[in-house]
């Protein structure tokens, strides 16, 4: 059986409080956080409009995540 891939997150357009939540999540689940997109990134964490449930800023990291079929959370 294949070993699961390591979770590697990249955050985009987040404020300090949201970044703290991402940091807490990574410590709890043993994930890594990167500052730049790359082939190793598995998830893109971005700010979203709560009512529309979509991102309100389409950053370069967000677009790279879409094009490379990464999880957008």
C-alpha atoms as a PDB file:
ATOM      1  CA  UNK A   1       0.000   0.000   0.000  1.00  0.00           C
ATOM      2  CA  UNK A   2       1.256   3.511  -0.864  1.00  0.00           C
ATOM      3  CA  UNK A   3       2.206   5.839   1.941  1.00  0.00           C
ATOM      4  CA  UNK A   4      -0.018   8.968   2.076  1.00  0.00           C
ATOM      5  CA  UNK A   5       1.604  12.154   0.798  1.00  0.00           C
ATOM      6  CA  UNK A   6       2.738  14.688   3.329  1.00  0.00           C
ATOM      7  CA  UNK A   7       0.359  17.642   3.642  1.00  0.00           C
ATOM      8  CA  UNK A   8       2.051  20.863   2.508  1.00  0.00           C
ATOM      9  CA  UNK A   9       0.099  24.112   2.759  1.00  0.00           C
ATOM     10  CA  UNK A  10       0.618  27.502   1.207  1.00  0.00           C
ATOM     11  CA  UNK A  11      -1.424  30.450   2.483  1.00  0.00           C
ATOM     12  CA  UNK A  12      -2.504  33.445   0.454  1.00  0.00           C
ATOM     13  CA  UNK A  13      -4.216  36.731   1.377  1.00  0.00           C
ATOM     14  CA  UNK A  14      -4.763  35.773   5.029  1.00  0.00           C
ATOM     15  CA  UNK A  15      -4.722  38.112   8.005  1.00  0.00           C
ATOM     16  CA  UNK A  16      -2.775  37.463  11.211  1.00  0.00           C
ATOM     17  CA  UNK A  17      -5.583  35.640  13.025  1.00  0.00           C
ATOM     18  CA  UNK A  18      -6.148  33.264  10.108  1.00  0.00           C
ATOM     19  CA  UNK A  19      -2.395  32.645   9.815  1.00  0.00           C
ATOM     20  CA  UNK A  20      -2.344  31.702  13.500  1.00  0.00           C
ATOM     21  CA  UNK A  21      -5.112  29.172  12.836  1.00  0.00           C
ATOM     22  CA  UNK A  22      -3.117  27.694   9.947  1.00  0.00           C
ATOM     23  CA  UNK A  23      -0.053  27.467  12.179  1.00  0.00           C
ATOM     24  CA  UNK A  24      -2.059  25.738  14.902  1.00  0.00           C
ATOM     25  CA  UNK A  25      -3.485  23.281  12.360  1.00  0.00           C
ATOM     26  CA  UNK A  26      -0.049  22.403  11.000  1.00  0.00           C
ATOM     27  CA  UNK A  27       1.320  21.723  14.472  1.00  0.00           C
ATOM     28  CA  UNK A  28      -1.643  19.531  15.360  1.00  0.00           C
ATOM     29  CA  UNK A  29      -1.601  17.456  12.162  1.00  0.00           C
ATOM     30  CA  UNK A  30       2.099  17.485  11.328  1.00  0.00           C
ATOM     31  CA  UNK A  31       1.704  19.439   8.096  1.00  0.00           C
ATOM     32  CA  UNK A  32       4.240  21.852   6.626  1.00  0.00           C
ATOM     33  CA  UNK A  33       3.720  25.452   5.540  1.00  0.00           C
ATOM     34  CA  UNK A  34       5.514  26.915   2.536  1.00  0.00           C
ATOM     35  CA  UNK A  35       5.680  30.532   1.426  1.00  0.00           C
ATOM     36  CA  UNK A  36       5.843  29.807  -2.303  1.00  0.00           C
ATOM     37  CA  UNK A  37       3.974  27.501  -4.661  1.00  0.00           C
ATOM     38  CA  UNK A  38       5.734  24.419  -5.890  1.00  0.00           C
ATOM     39  CA  UNK A  39       5.065  20.836  -6.986  1.00  0.00           C
ATOM     40  CA  UNK A  40       5.162  19.652  -3.372  1.00  0.00           C
ATOM     41  CA  UNK A  41       2.235  21.882  -2.231  1.00  0.00           C
ATOM     42  CA  UNK A  42      -0.970  19.905  -1.631  1.00  0.00           C
ATOM     43  CA  UNK A  43      -3.341  22.597  -0.305  1.00  0.00           C
ATOM     44  CA  UNK A  44      -3.842  26.332  -0.898  1.00  0.00           C
ATOM     45  CA  UNK A  45      -5.400  28.140   2.077  1.00  0.00           C
ATOM     46  CA  UNK A  46      -7.090  31.383   1.064  1.00  0.00           C
ATOM     47  CA  UNK A  47      -9.514  33.968   2.365  1.00  0.00           C
ATOM     48  CA  UNK A  48     -13.137  33.436   1.335  1.00  0.00           C
ATOM     49  CA  UNK A  49     -16.396  35.356   1.418  1.00  0.00           C
ATOM     50  CA  UNK A  50     -18.492  33.595   4.091  1.00  0.00           C
ATOM     51  CA  UNK A  51     -21.811  34.209   2.339  1.00  0.00           C
ATOM     52  CA  UNK A  52     -20.751  33.218  -1.166  1.00  0.00           C
ATOM     53  CA  UNK A  53     -18.287  30.522  -0.085  1.00  0.00           C
ATOM     54  CA  UNK A  54     -15.805  31.580  -2.730  1.00  0.00           C
ATOM     55  CA  UNK A  55     -12.490  33.344  -2.536  1.00  0.00           C
ATOM     56  CA  UNK A  56     -12.759  37.086  -2.751  1.00  0.00           C
ATOM     57  CA  UNK A  57      -9.209  37.554  -4.056  1.00  0.00           C
ATOM     58  CA  UNK A  58      -7.807  35.548  -6.916  1.00  0.00           C
ATOM     59  CA  UNK A  59      -4.100  35.634  -6.140  1.00  0.00           C
ATOM     60  CA  UNK A  60      -1.321  34.060  -8.142  1.00  0.00           C
ATOM     61  CA  UNK A  61      -0.973  31.281  -5.546  1.00  0.00           C
ATOM     62  CA  UNK A  62      -4.719  30.580  -5.782  1.00  0.00           C
ATOM     63  CA  UNK A  63      -4.582  30.405  -9.589  1.00  0.00           C
ATOM     64  CA  UNK A  64      -1.497  28.154  -9.527  1.00  0.00           C
ATOM     65  CA  UNK A  65      -3.347  25.878  -7.108  1.00  0.00           C
ATOM     66  CA  UNK A  66      -6.326  25.627  -9.446  1.00  0.00           C
ATOM     67  CA  UNK A  67      -4.174  24.956 -12.484  1.00  0.00           C
ATOM     68  CA  UNK A  68      -2.188  22.278 -10.660  1.00  0.00           C
ATOM     69  CA  UNK A  69      -5.305  20.616  -9.196  1.00  0.00           C
ATOM     70  CA  UNK A  70      -4.491  21.339  -5.538  1.00  0.00           C
ATOM     71  CA  UNK A  71      -7.021  21.424  -2.743  1.00  0.00           C
ATOM     72  CA  UNK A  72      -8.351  24.971  -2.234  1.00  0.00           C
ATOM     73  CA  UNK A  73      -9.411  25.486   1.404  1.00  0.00           C
END
